[in-house]
């Protein structure tokens, strides 16, 4: 989703209708689409879209002050004032408190070993 929303949606459609095709054909199409999507550079704007999407899974749990803080961090990231790791760290904190099996399975929340600190520069 952070790389190319149209490809993300196309993958969703492919997987939702995957019962109509063989697993091998679905896998082939999935890999092709995935590589197409990853061929697009993720931007601050697209990362903000993903962060807001993920934040939506917390809407029933966060109060106005917490929502405001999260929105402020996303805005500060979009403006280049803080690195991506800051809003992601706060989201990870909230998801430790308010479990979401779906979000727990998302690589986006922790794609690299923490020791590499790769998101500190994004």
C-alpha atoms as a PDB file:
ATOM      1  CA  UNK A   1       0.000   0.000   0.000  1.00  0.00           C
ATOM      2  CA  UNK A   2       2.845   2.432   0.721  1.00  0.00           C
ATOM      3  CA  UNK A   3       4.322   1.818  -2.715  1.00  0.00           C
ATOM      4  CA  UNK A   4       1.310   1.855  -5.061  1.00  0.00           C
ATOM      5  CA  UNK A   5      -2.334   1.823  -3.981  1.00  0.00           C
ATOM      6  CA  UNK A   6      -3.755   0.726  -7.378  1.00  0.00           C
ATOM      7  CA  UNK A   7      -1.544  -2.380  -7.351  1.00  0.00           C
ATOM      8  CA  UNK A   8      -2.484  -3.032  -3.708  1.00  0.00           C
ATOM      9  CA  UNK A   9      -6.162  -2.978  -4.682  1.00  0.00           C
ATOM     10  CA  UNK A  10      -5.532  -5.211  -7.688  1.00  0.00           C
ATOM     11  CA  UNK A  11      -3.785  -7.746  -5.434  1.00  0.00           C
ATOM     12  CA  UNK A  12      -6.823  -7.652  -3.139  1.00  0.00           C
ATOM     13  CA  UNK A  13      -9.144  -8.395  -6.044  1.00  0.00           C
ATOM     14  CA  UNK A  14      -6.847 -11.203  -7.236  1.00  0.00           C
ATOM     15  CA  UNK A  15      -6.778 -12.870  -3.822  1.00  0.00           C
ATOM     16  CA  UNK A  16     -10.495 -12.466  -3.187  1.00  0.00           C
ATOM     17  CA  UNK A  17     -11.252 -14.316  -6.426  1.00  0.00           C
ATOM     18  CA  UNK A  18      -8.408 -16.810  -6.176  1.00  0.00           C
ATOM     19  CA  UNK A  19     -10.741 -19.810  -5.771  1.00  0.00           C
ATOM     20  CA  UNK A  20     -11.563 -19.531  -9.472  1.00  0.00           C
ATOM     21  CA  UNK A  21      -7.957 -20.180 -10.558  1.00  0.00           C
ATOM     22  CA  UNK A  22      -5.249 -22.654  -9.630  1.00  0.00           C
ATOM     23  CA  UNK A  23      -2.916 -21.883  -6.750  1.00  0.00           C
ATOM     24  CA  UNK A  24       0.021 -21.827  -9.182  1.00  0.00           C
ATOM     25  CA  UNK A  25      -1.643 -19.301 -11.489  1.00  0.00           C
ATOM     26  CA  UNK A  26      -2.710 -17.147  -8.529  1.00  0.00           C
ATOM     27  CA  UNK A  27       0.840 -17.260  -7.104  1.00  0.00           C
ATOM     28  CA  UNK A  28       2.321 -16.279 -10.469  1.00  0.00           C
ATOM     29  CA  UNK A  29      -0.067 -13.331 -10.821  1.00  0.00           C
ATOM     30  CA  UNK A  30       0.490 -12.311  -7.196  1.00  0.00           C
ATOM     31  CA  UNK A  31       4.275 -12.224  -7.568  1.00  0.00           C
ATOM     32  CA  UNK A  32       4.004 -10.233 -10.802  1.00  0.00           C
ATOM     33  CA  UNK A  33       1.690  -7.696  -9.165  1.00  0.00           C
ATOM     34  CA  UNK A  34       3.813  -7.515  -6.018  1.00  0.00           C
ATOM     35  CA  UNK A  35       6.943  -6.743  -8.026  1.00  0.00           C
ATOM     36  CA  UNK A  36       5.021  -4.149 -10.034  1.00  0.00           C
ATOM     37  CA  UNK A  37       3.876  -2.452  -6.842  1.00  0.00           C
ATOM     38  CA  UNK A  38       7.318  -2.547  -5.252  1.00  0.00           C
ATOM     39  CA  UNK A  39       8.690  -0.944  -8.418  1.00  0.00           C
ATOM     40  CA  UNK A  40       7.047   2.298  -7.303  1.00  0.00           C
ATOM     41  CA  UNK A  41       8.928   4.388  -4.757  1.00  0.00           C
ATOM     42  CA  UNK A  42       7.133   4.873  -1.441  1.00  0.00           C
ATOM     43  CA  UNK A  43       6.825   8.568  -0.556  1.00  0.00           C
ATOM     44  CA  UNK A  44       6.113  10.497   2.624  1.00  0.00           C
ATOM     45  CA  UNK A  45       2.585  11.065   1.329  1.00  0.00           C
ATOM     46  CA  UNK A  46       1.994   7.359   0.672  1.00  0.00           C
ATOM     47  CA  UNK A  47       3.467   6.403   4.062  1.00  0.00           C
ATOM     48  CA  UNK A  48       1.072   8.898   5.693  1.00  0.00           C
ATOM     49  CA  UNK A  49      -1.814   7.204   3.898  1.00  0.00           C
ATOM     50  CA  UNK A  50      -0.740   3.844   5.342  1.00  0.00           C
ATOM     51  CA  UNK A  51      -0.259   5.304   8.824  1.00  0.00           C
ATOM     52  CA  UNK A  52      -3.759   6.808   8.741  1.00  0.00           C
ATOM     53  CA  UNK A  53      -5.184   3.534   7.457  1.00  0.00           C
ATOM     54  CA  UNK A  54      -3.540   1.627  10.320  1.00  0.00           C
ATOM     55  CA  UNK A  55      -4.664   4.265  12.824  1.00  0.00           C
ATOM     56  CA  UNK A  56      -8.231   3.556  11.709  1.00  0.00           C
ATOM     57  CA  UNK A  57      -8.018   0.161  13.424  1.00  0.00           C
ATOM     58  CA  UNK A  58      -7.690   2.032  16.735  1.00  0.00           C
ATOM     59  CA  UNK A  59     -10.647   4.408  16.338  1.00  0.00           C
ATOM     60  CA  UNK A  60     -12.776   2.615  18.944  1.00  0.00           C
ATOM     61  CA  UNK A  61      -9.970   2.577  21.507  1.00  0.00           C
ATOM     62  CA  UNK A  62      -8.235   5.963  21.386  1.00  0.00           C
ATOM     63  CA  UNK A  63      -9.606   9.072  22.999  1.00  0.00           C
ATOM     64  CA  UNK A  64      -9.480  12.512  21.399  1.00  0.00           C
ATOM     65  CA  UNK A  65      -6.097  13.411  22.929  1.00  0.00           C
ATOM     66  CA  UNK A  66      -4.435  10.197  21.703  1.00  0.00           C
ATOM     67  CA  UNK A  67      -5.941  10.592  18.226  1.00  0.00           C
ATOM     68  CA  UNK A  68      -4.724  14.171  18.119  1.00  0.00           C
ATOM     69  CA  UNK A  69      -1.209  13.141  19.149  1.00  0.00           C
ATOM     70  CA  UNK A  70      -1.135  10.452  16.459  1.00  0.00           C
ATOM     71  CA  UNK A  71      -2.375  12.894  13.814  1.00  0.00           C
ATOM     72  CA  UNK A  72       0.237  15.430  14.893  1.00  0.00           C
ATOM     73  CA  UNK A  73       3.031  12.862  14.528  1.00  0.00           C
ATOM     74  CA  UNK A  74       1.788  11.835  11.084  1.00  0.00           C
ATOM     75  CA  UNK A  75       1.706  15.494  10.029  1.00  0.00           C
ATOM     76  CA  UNK A  76       5.194  16.088  11.429  1.00  0.00           C
ATOM     77  CA  UNK A  77       6.449  13.054   9.502  1.00  0.00           C
ATOM     78  CA  UNK A  78       4.793  14.292   6.278  1.00  0.00           C
ATOM     79  CA  UNK A  79       6.511  17.662   6.755  1.00  0.00           C
ATOM     80  CA  UNK A  80       9.902  16.004   7.273  1.00  0.00           C
ATOM     81  CA  UNK A  81      10.237  17.054  10.911  1.00  0.00           C
ATOM     82  CA  UNK A  82      10.497  13.528  12.343  1.00  0.00           C
ATOM     83  CA  UNK A  83      11.462  10.106  10.927  1.00  0.00           C
ATOM     84  CA  UNK A  84       8.908   7.417  10.036  1.00  0.00           C
ATOM     85  CA  UNK A  85       9.949   5.325  13.029  1.00  0.00           C
ATOM     86  CA  UNK A  86       8.325   7.825  15.435  1.00  0.00           C
ATOM     87  CA  UNK A  87       4.652   7.428  14.402  1.00  0.00           C
ATOM     88  CA  UNK A  88       5.195   3.703  13.829  1.00  0.00           C
ATOM     89  CA  UNK A  89       6.591   3.306  17.346  1.00  0.00           C
ATOM     90  CA  UNK A  90       3.519   4.980  18.834  1.00  0.00           C
ATOM     91  CA  UNK A  91       1.226   2.787  16.708  1.00  0.00           C
ATOM     92  CA  UNK A  92       3.100  -0.316  17.862  1.00  0.00           C
ATOM     93  CA  UNK A  93       2.624   0.839  21.460  1.00  0.00           C
ATOM     94  CA  UNK A  94      -1.124   1.203  20.951  1.00  0.00           C
ATOM     95  CA  UNK A  95      -1.368  -2.210  19.290  1.00  0.00           C
ATOM     96  CA  UNK A  96       0.395  -3.797  22.262  1.00  0.00           C
ATOM     97  CA  UNK A  97      -2.431  -2.384  24.389  1.00  0.00           C
ATOM     98  CA  UNK A  98      -5.256  -3.020  21.915  1.00  0.00           C
ATOM     99  CA  UNK A  99      -4.510  -6.258  20.084  1.00  0.00           C
ATOM    100  CA  UNK A 100      -5.280  -6.667  16.398  1.00  0.00           C
ATOM    101  CA  UNK A 101      -4.381  -9.982  14.812  1.00  0.00           C
ATOM    102  CA  UNK A 102      -4.565  -8.363  11.377  1.00  0.00           C
ATOM    103  CA  UNK A 103      -2.146  -5.550  12.234  1.00  0.00           C
ATOM    104  CA  UNK A 104       0.156  -7.955  14.096  1.00  0.00           C
ATOM    105  CA  UNK A 105       0.653  -9.812  10.799  1.00  0.00           C
ATOM    106  CA  UNK A 106       1.569  -6.689   8.824  1.00  0.00           C
ATOM    107  CA  UNK A 107       5.227  -6.489   7.852  1.00  0.00           C
ATOM    108  CA  UNK A 108       4.858  -2.711   7.550  1.00  0.00           C
ATOM    109  CA  UNK A 109       4.951  -2.317  11.308  1.00  0.00           C
ATOM    110  CA  UNK A 110       8.424  -3.881  11.591  1.00  0.00           C
ATOM    111  CA  UNK A 111       9.935  -4.839   8.222  1.00  0.00           C
ATOM    112  CA  UNK A 112      13.582  -4.852   9.315  1.00  0.00           C
ATOM    113  CA  UNK A 113      15.545  -6.028  12.348  1.00  0.00           C
ATOM    114  CA  UNK A 114      15.542  -3.145  14.836  1.00  0.00           C
ATOM    115  CA  UNK A 115      19.338  -3.257  15.064  1.00  0.00           C
ATOM    116  CA  UNK A 116      19.606  -1.935  11.498  1.00  0.00           C
ATOM    117  CA  UNK A 117      17.648   1.233  12.411  1.00  0.00           C
ATOM    118  CA  UNK A 118      16.719   1.614   8.733  1.00  0.00           C
ATOM    119  CA  UNK A 119      13.514   3.543   9.370  1.00  0.00           C
ATOM    120  CA  UNK A 120      15.389   6.219  11.293  1.00  0.00           C
ATOM    121  CA  UNK A 121      16.385   7.784   7.977  1.00  0.00           C
ATOM    122  CA  UNK A 122      13.032   7.616   6.172  1.00  0.00           C
END
